[in-house]
Amino acid sequence: MDKFVLDERLARDSVLLVHLGLCELRLINDCRWPWLVLVPKRPGVSEVFELTPLDQAVLTFEQNTVAAALKSATGATKINVAAIGNIVRQLHVHVIARMEGDANWPGPVWGHGTAAPYGADERRALQQKILEALHS
């Protein structure tokens, strides 16, 4: 059986927050938007329908739990959830907090400008808020 290996682009562009039941929860290193990614720990999977029915249910539960926690932690106007995968084929689900007046509101985050990495303190503070919201 193949071993789960995180795509190098996801590893480069994000930091691990926590291992959930099915997914790694990662924070994209771009402070323009609080942007999380759920990566199911299943090798060779690029589409949701390739997961087992149980894994599909768990993924839905985890993305809803993470979306609610992100909204609580950030006070976002809108939470965007998407599994696109045109560049990074490994199945991953974006969960992005959007606020009126953010860097590209109301347009999409993809392809807009250049990523602005978090400062260490800013990243730690956001991570803590998200983890607290996940456990409340």
N, C-alpha and C. Protein backbone atom coordinates (compact mmCIF):
# COMPACT_ATOMS: atom_id res chain seq x y z
N MET A 1 0.84 -1.19 0.00
CA MET A 1 0.00 0.00 0.00
C MET A 1 0.88 1.25 0.00
N ASP A 2 0.50 2.23 -0.81
CA ASP A 2 1.26 3.48 -0.88
C ASP A 2 1.13 4.27 0.41
N LYS A 3 2.14 5.05 0.70
CA LYS A 3 2.17 5.91 1.89
C LYS A 3 1.75 7.32 1.48
N PHE A 4 1.00 7.99 2.35
CA PHE A 4 0.62 9.38 2.11
C PHE A 4 1.86 10.27 2.14
N VAL A 5 2.01 11.08 1.10
CA VAL A 5 3.09 12.07 1.02
C VAL A 5 2.46 13.38 0.59
N LEU A 6 2.71 14.43 1.34
CA LEU A 6 2.17 15.74 1.02
C LEU A 6 2.85 16.30 -0.22
N ASP A 7 2.06 16.85 -1.14
CA ASP A 7 2.60 17.49 -2.33
C ASP A 7 3.59 18.58 -1.91
N GLU A 8 4.72 18.64 -2.61
CA GLU A 8 5.79 19.59 -2.23
C GLU A 8 5.32 21.04 -2.29
N ARG A 9 4.41 21.39 -3.17
CA ARG A 9 3.92 22.77 -3.26
C ARG A 9 3.08 23.11 -2.04
N LEU A 10 2.23 22.18 -1.60
CA LEU A 10 1.45 22.43 -0.39
C LEU A 10 2.38 22.54 0.82
N ALA A 11 3.39 21.68 0.88
CA ALA A 11 4.35 21.74 1.98
C ALA A 11 5.09 23.08 2.00
N ARG A 12 5.48 23.55 0.83
CA ARG A 12 6.24 24.80 0.72
C ARG A 12 5.41 26.02 1.08
N ASP A 13 4.12 26.00 0.70
CA ASP A 13 3.28 27.19 0.83
C ASP A 13 2.45 27.23 2.11
N SER A 14 2.59 26.23 2.98
CA SER A 14 1.74 26.17 4.16
C SER A 14 2.48 25.57 5.35
N VAL A 15 1.86 25.72 6.51
CA VAL A 15 2.38 25.12 7.73
C VAL A 15 1.30 24.24 8.35
N LEU A 16 1.71 23.14 8.93
CA LEU A 16 0.78 22.22 9.58
C LEU A 16 0.22 22.85 10.85
N LEU A 17 -1.11 22.82 10.98
CA LEU A 17 -1.74 23.25 12.23
C LEU A 17 -2.03 22.06 13.13
N VAL A 18 -2.67 21.03 12.53
CA VAL A 18 -3.07 19.88 13.33
C VAL A 18 -3.46 18.73 12.39
N HIS A 19 -3.31 17.52 12.90
CA HIS A 19 -3.82 16.35 12.21
C HIS A 19 -5.23 16.10 12.72
N LEU A 20 -6.20 16.07 11.81
CA LEU A 20 -7.57 15.72 12.16
C LEU A 20 -7.74 14.22 11.89
N GLY A 21 -8.94 13.71 11.96
CA GLY A 21 -9.16 12.29 11.74
C GLY A 21 -8.74 11.82 10.36
N LEU A 22 -9.16 12.55 9.32
CA LEU A 22 -8.84 12.19 7.94
C LEU A 22 -7.76 13.09 7.36
N CYS A 23 -7.77 14.34 7.72
CA CYS A 23 -6.97 15.35 7.02
C CYS A 23 -5.87 15.95 7.87
N GLU A 24 -4.86 16.46 7.16
CA GLU A 24 -3.94 17.44 7.74
C GLU A 24 -4.63 18.78 7.57
N LEU A 25 -4.63 19.60 8.60
CA LEU A 25 -5.13 20.97 8.48
C LEU A 25 -3.92 21.88 8.43
N ARG A 26 -3.81 22.65 7.35
CA ARG A 26 -2.64 23.48 7.10
C ARG A 26 -3.06 24.93 6.91
N LEU A 27 -2.19 25.86 7.28
CA LEU A 27 -2.40 27.29 7.10
C LEU A 27 -1.53 27.76 5.94
N ILE A 28 -2.16 28.34 4.92
CA ILE A 28 -1.40 28.91 3.81
C ILE A 28 -0.66 30.14 4.32
N ASN A 29 0.60 30.27 3.97
CA ASN A 29 1.45 31.35 4.45
C ASN A 29 1.26 32.60 3.60
N ASP A 30 0.08 33.20 3.72
CA ASP A 30 -0.28 34.42 3.00
C ASP A 30 -1.23 35.21 3.89
N CYS A 31 -0.71 36.26 4.52
CA CYS A 31 -1.49 36.98 5.52
C CYS A 31 -2.58 37.87 4.93
N ARG A 32 -2.71 37.91 3.61
CA ARG A 32 -3.78 38.72 3.02
C ARG A 32 -5.15 38.13 3.32
N TRP A 33 -5.19 36.80 3.52
CA TRP A 33 -6.43 36.11 3.84
C TRP A 33 -6.14 34.99 4.82
N PRO A 34 -6.96 34.82 5.86
CA PRO A 34 -6.85 33.61 6.66
C PRO A 34 -7.31 32.44 5.77
N TRP A 35 -6.37 31.56 5.42
CA TRP A 35 -6.58 30.58 4.37
C TRP A 35 -6.07 29.23 4.85
N LEU A 36 -7.00 28.31 5.05
CA LEU A 36 -6.66 26.97 5.50
C LEU A 36 -6.82 25.97 4.36
N VAL A 37 -6.13 24.85 4.48
CA VAL A 37 -6.25 23.77 3.50
C VAL A 37 -6.37 22.46 4.26
N LEU A 38 -7.37 21.69 3.88
CA LEU A 38 -7.55 20.34 4.39
C LEU A 38 -6.99 19.38 3.35
N VAL A 39 -6.09 18.50 3.76
CA VAL A 39 -5.50 17.52 2.84
C VAL A 39 -5.79 16.12 3.38
N PRO A 40 -6.70 15.39 2.72
CA PRO A 40 -6.95 14.02 3.18
C PRO A 40 -5.68 13.18 3.10
N LYS A 41 -5.41 12.44 4.15
CA LYS A 41 -4.19 11.63 4.22
C LYS A 41 -4.42 10.29 3.51
N ARG A 42 -4.72 10.38 2.23
CA ARG A 42 -4.95 9.21 1.39
C ARG A 42 -4.07 9.33 0.15
N PRO A 43 -3.19 8.38 -0.10
CA PRO A 43 -2.29 8.48 -1.25
C PRO A 43 -3.03 8.31 -2.58
N GLY A 44 -2.57 9.05 -3.58
CA GLY A 44 -3.05 8.88 -4.94
C GLY A 44 -4.45 9.38 -5.21
N VAL A 45 -5.02 10.18 -4.32
CA VAL A 45 -6.39 10.66 -4.49
C VAL A 45 -6.36 12.11 -4.98
N SER A 46 -7.07 12.37 -6.08
CA SER A 46 -7.14 13.74 -6.60
C SER A 46 -8.56 14.28 -6.67
N GLU A 47 -9.56 13.44 -6.47
CA GLU A 47 -10.96 13.85 -6.55
C GLU A 47 -11.71 13.36 -5.32
N VAL A 48 -12.70 14.13 -4.87
CA VAL A 48 -13.51 13.73 -3.72
C VAL A 48 -14.18 12.39 -3.98
N PHE A 49 -14.68 12.17 -5.19
CA PHE A 49 -15.38 10.93 -5.49
C PHE A 49 -14.48 9.70 -5.47
N GLU A 50 -13.16 9.89 -5.44
CA GLU A 50 -12.23 8.77 -5.33
C GLU A 50 -12.07 8.28 -3.89
N LEU A 51 -12.53 9.08 -2.94
CA LEU A 51 -12.50 8.66 -1.54
C LEU A 51 -13.60 7.62 -1.31
N THR A 52 -13.43 6.80 -0.30
CA THR A 52 -14.50 5.88 0.08
C THR A 52 -15.70 6.70 0.57
N PRO A 53 -16.89 6.13 0.57
CA PRO A 53 -18.04 6.87 1.10
C PRO A 53 -17.83 7.35 2.53
N LEU A 54 -17.20 6.53 3.37
CA LEU A 54 -16.93 6.96 4.75
C LEU A 54 -15.97 8.15 4.76
N ASP A 55 -14.90 8.09 3.97
CA ASP A 55 -13.96 9.21 3.91
C ASP A 55 -14.63 10.47 3.36
N GLN A 56 -15.54 10.32 2.42
CA GLN A 56 -16.28 11.48 1.90
C GLN A 56 -17.09 12.14 3.03
N ALA A 57 -17.73 11.32 3.84
CA ALA A 57 -18.51 11.85 4.96
C ALA A 57 -17.62 12.54 5.98
N VAL A 58 -16.49 11.92 6.28
CA VAL A 58 -15.55 12.52 7.25
C VAL A 58 -15.00 13.83 6.70
N LEU A 59 -14.66 13.88 5.41
CA LEU A 59 -14.16 15.11 4.80
C LEU A 59 -15.20 16.22 4.91
N THR A 60 -16.45 15.91 4.62
CA THR A 60 -17.52 16.91 4.75
C THR A 60 -17.62 17.41 6.19
N PHE A 61 -17.58 16.50 7.14
CA PHE A 61 -17.63 16.89 8.55
C PHE A 61 -16.44 17.78 8.92
N GLU A 62 -15.24 17.38 8.51
CA GLU A 62 -14.05 18.16 8.85
C GLU A 62 -14.07 19.52 8.18
N GLN A 63 -14.49 19.61 6.92
CA GLN A 63 -14.50 20.93 6.27
C GLN A 63 -15.54 21.84 6.91
N ASN A 64 -16.69 21.30 7.31
CA ASN A 64 -17.69 22.13 7.99
C ASN A 64 -17.21 22.59 9.35
N THR A 65 -16.55 21.68 10.08
CA THR A 65 -16.00 22.03 11.40
C THR A 65 -14.93 23.11 11.28
N VAL A 66 -14.04 22.95 10.31
CA VAL A 66 -12.96 23.92 10.09
C VAL A 66 -13.53 25.26 9.62
N ALA A 67 -14.51 25.23 8.73
CA ALA A 67 -15.12 26.48 8.24
C ALA A 67 -15.77 27.25 9.39
N ALA A 68 -16.50 26.55 10.25
CA ALA A 68 -17.13 27.21 11.40
C ALA A 68 -16.08 27.79 12.35
N ALA A 69 -15.01 27.05 12.59
CA ALA A 69 -13.95 27.53 13.47
C ALA A 69 -13.25 28.75 12.88
N LEU A 70 -13.00 28.72 11.57
CA LEU A 70 -12.35 29.86 10.92
C LEU A 70 -13.22 31.10 10.98
N LYS A 71 -14.51 30.93 10.77
CA LYS A 71 -15.43 32.08 10.85
C LYS A 71 -15.44 32.64 12.27
N SER A 72 -15.49 31.75 13.25
CA SER A 72 -15.47 32.18 14.65
C SER A 72 -14.16 32.89 15.01
N ALA A 73 -13.04 32.35 14.55
CA ALA A 73 -11.72 32.90 14.88
C ALA A 73 -11.45 34.24 14.21
N THR A 74 -12.05 34.47 13.04
CA THR A 74 -11.71 35.67 12.26
C THR A 74 -12.84 36.69 12.16
N GLY A 75 -14.08 36.28 12.45
CA GLY A 75 -15.21 37.18 12.24
C GLY A 75 -15.47 37.46 10.77
N ALA A 76 -15.11 36.53 9.91
CA ALA A 76 -15.21 36.71 8.46
C ALA A 76 -16.64 37.02 8.01
N THR A 77 -16.73 37.79 6.92
CA THR A 77 -18.00 38.05 6.28
C THR A 77 -18.50 36.80 5.59
N LYS A 78 -17.58 36.05 4.96
CA LYS A 78 -17.92 34.89 4.14
C LYS A 78 -16.78 33.88 4.24
N ILE A 79 -17.14 32.61 4.27
CA ILE A 79 -16.16 31.53 4.21
C ILE A 79 -16.31 30.86 2.86
N ASN A 80 -15.23 30.83 2.08
CA ASN A 80 -15.22 30.17 0.77
C ASN A 80 -14.58 28.80 0.94
N VAL A 81 -15.22 27.78 0.36
CA VAL A 81 -14.72 26.41 0.40
C VAL A 81 -14.64 25.90 -1.03
N ALA A 82 -13.47 25.37 -1.41
CA ALA A 82 -13.30 24.89 -2.78
C ALA A 82 -12.24 23.80 -2.85
N ALA A 83 -12.49 22.83 -3.72
CA ALA A 83 -11.51 21.79 -4.05
C ALA A 83 -11.28 21.89 -5.55
N ILE A 84 -10.24 22.60 -5.96
CA ILE A 84 -10.03 22.88 -7.38
C ILE A 84 -8.99 21.94 -7.96
N GLY A 85 -7.75 22.06 -7.58
CA GLY A 85 -6.73 21.09 -7.96
C GLY A 85 -6.24 21.12 -9.39
N ASN A 86 -6.32 22.25 -10.07
CA ASN A 86 -5.81 22.31 -11.44
C ASN A 86 -4.29 22.29 -11.48
N ILE A 87 -3.64 22.83 -10.47
CA ILE A 87 -2.18 22.88 -10.43
C ILE A 87 -1.65 21.79 -9.50
N VAL A 88 -2.13 21.76 -8.28
CA VAL A 88 -1.76 20.72 -7.32
C VAL A 88 -2.85 19.65 -7.41
N ARG A 89 -2.51 18.51 -7.97
CA ARG A 89 -3.51 17.45 -8.22
C ARG A 89 -3.91 16.71 -6.96
N GLN A 90 -3.04 16.66 -5.95
CA GLN A 90 -3.39 15.97 -4.71
C GLN A 90 -4.65 16.61 -4.14
N LEU A 91 -5.63 15.78 -3.76
CA LEU A 91 -6.88 16.32 -3.24
C LEU A 91 -6.60 17.20 -2.03
N HIS A 92 -7.10 18.40 -2.09
CA HIS A 92 -7.02 19.34 -0.98
C HIS A 92 -8.20 20.30 -1.08
N VAL A 93 -8.70 20.72 0.06
CA VAL A 93 -9.87 21.59 0.11
C VAL A 93 -9.47 22.91 0.76
N HIS A 94 -9.68 23.99 0.03
CA HIS A 94 -9.38 25.33 0.53
C HIS A 94 -10.55 25.82 1.38
N VAL A 95 -10.24 26.42 2.52
CA VAL A 95 -11.24 27.04 3.39
C VAL A 95 -10.69 28.43 3.69
N ILE A 96 -11.32 29.44 3.09
CA ILE A 96 -10.74 30.79 3.10
C ILE A 96 -11.72 31.78 3.74
N ALA A 97 -11.23 32.55 4.70
CA ALA A 97 -12.03 33.60 5.32
C ALA A 97 -11.92 34.87 4.48
N ARG A 98 -13.07 35.40 4.10
CA ARG A 98 -13.10 36.63 3.31
C ARG A 98 -13.82 37.71 4.10
N MET A 99 -13.30 38.93 4.01
CA MET A 99 -13.88 40.08 4.66
C MET A 99 -14.08 41.19 3.64
N GLU A 100 -15.18 41.90 3.76
CA GLU A 100 -15.37 43.05 2.88
C GLU A 100 -14.17 43.97 3.04
N GLY A 101 -13.60 44.37 1.90
CA GLY A 101 -12.45 45.26 1.94
C GLY A 101 -11.11 44.54 1.99
N ASP A 102 -11.10 43.18 1.95
CA ASP A 102 -9.81 42.49 1.94
C ASP A 102 -9.11 42.71 0.60
N ALA A 103 -7.95 42.11 0.42
CA ALA A 103 -7.06 42.41 -0.70
C ALA A 103 -7.70 42.30 -2.08
N ASN A 104 -8.74 41.50 -2.26
CA ASN A 104 -9.37 41.40 -3.58
C ASN A 104 -10.88 41.22 -3.47
N TRP A 105 -11.48 41.71 -2.40
CA TRP A 105 -12.94 41.57 -2.20
C TRP A 105 -13.67 42.26 -3.32
N PRO A 106 -14.68 41.69 -3.91
CA PRO A 106 -15.22 40.36 -3.70
C PRO A 106 -14.67 39.33 -4.68
N GLY A 107 -13.60 39.66 -5.38
CA GLY A 107 -13.03 38.75 -6.37
C GLY A 107 -12.35 37.56 -5.73
N PRO A 108 -11.92 36.61 -6.55
CA PRO A 108 -11.27 35.40 -6.03
C PRO A 108 -9.86 35.69 -5.51
N VAL A 109 -9.38 34.81 -4.65
CA VAL A 109 -8.03 34.97 -4.10
C VAL A 109 -6.97 34.44 -5.06
N TRP A 110 -7.34 33.47 -5.91
CA TRP A 110 -6.36 32.84 -6.79
C TRP A 110 -5.83 33.81 -7.83
N GLY A 111 -4.52 33.85 -7.96
CA GLY A 111 -3.88 34.66 -8.98
C GLY A 111 -3.89 36.15 -8.72
N HIS A 112 -4.25 36.56 -7.51
CA HIS A 112 -4.30 37.99 -7.19
C HIS A 112 -3.04 38.40 -6.44
N GLY A 113 -2.20 39.19 -7.10
CA GLY A 113 -1.02 39.73 -6.44
C GLY A 113 -0.02 38.66 -6.01
N THR A 114 0.82 39.06 -5.07
CA THR A 114 1.89 38.20 -4.56
C THR A 114 1.62 37.88 -3.10
N ALA A 115 1.84 36.64 -2.75
CA ALA A 115 1.63 36.22 -1.36
C ALA A 115 2.46 37.09 -0.41
N ALA A 116 1.87 37.42 0.73
CA ALA A 116 2.54 38.18 1.78
C ALA A 116 2.68 37.27 3.00
N PRO A 117 3.86 36.73 3.23
CA PRO A 117 4.03 35.77 4.34
C PRO A 117 3.71 36.40 5.69
N TYR A 118 3.23 35.55 6.60
CA TYR A 118 2.96 35.97 7.97
C TYR A 118 4.27 36.24 8.69
N GLY A 119 4.25 37.20 9.59
CA GLY A 119 5.30 37.31 10.58
C GLY A 119 5.09 36.20 11.60
N ALA A 120 6.14 35.79 12.27
CA ALA A 120 6.05 34.65 13.20
C ALA A 120 5.00 34.88 14.28
N ASP A 121 4.96 36.07 14.88
CA ASP A 121 3.99 36.35 15.95
C ASP A 121 2.57 36.37 15.41
N GLU A 122 2.38 36.97 14.25
CA GLU A 122 1.05 37.05 13.64
C GLU A 122 0.54 35.63 13.30
N ARG A 123 1.42 34.80 12.76
CA ARG A 123 1.02 33.44 12.42
C ARG A 123 0.66 32.65 13.67
N ARG A 124 1.49 32.74 14.71
CA ARG A 124 1.21 32.03 15.96
C ARG A 124 -0.12 32.46 16.57
N ALA A 125 -0.40 33.76 16.54
CA ALA A 125 -1.65 34.27 17.10
C ALA A 125 -2.86 33.72 16.34
N LEU A 126 -2.79 33.72 15.01
CA LEU A 126 -3.89 33.20 14.21
C LEU A 126 -4.04 31.69 14.43
N GLN A 127 -2.93 30.97 14.44
CA GLN A 127 -2.98 29.53 14.70
C GLN A 127 -3.67 29.24 16.03
N GLN A 128 -3.32 29.98 17.05
CA GLN A 128 -3.90 29.78 18.38
C GLN A 128 -5.41 30.04 18.35
N LYS A 129 -5.83 31.11 17.70
CA LYS A 129 -7.27 31.42 17.61
C LYS A 129 -8.03 30.32 16.88
N ILE A 130 -7.45 29.82 15.79
CA ILE A 130 -8.11 28.76 15.03
C ILE A 130 -8.20 27.48 15.85
N LEU A 131 -7.10 27.10 16.48
CA LEU A 131 -7.10 25.87 17.29
C LEU A 131 -8.06 25.98 18.46
N GLU A 132 -8.13 27.13 19.10
CA GLU A 132 -9.09 27.33 20.19
C GLU A 132 -10.52 27.21 19.67
N ALA A 133 -10.80 27.81 18.51
CA ALA A 133 -12.14 27.72 17.93
C ALA A 133 -12.49 26.28 17.53
N LEU A 134 -11.51 25.52 17.06
CA LEU A 134 -11.75 24.11 16.71
C LEU A 134 -12.14 23.29 17.93
N HIS A 135 -11.59 23.64 19.07
CA HIS A 135 -11.83 22.85 20.28
C HIS A 135 -12.94 23.40 21.17
N SER A 136 -13.65 24.41 20.69
CA SER A 136 -14.73 24.96 21.52
C SER A 136 -16.08 24.47 21.08
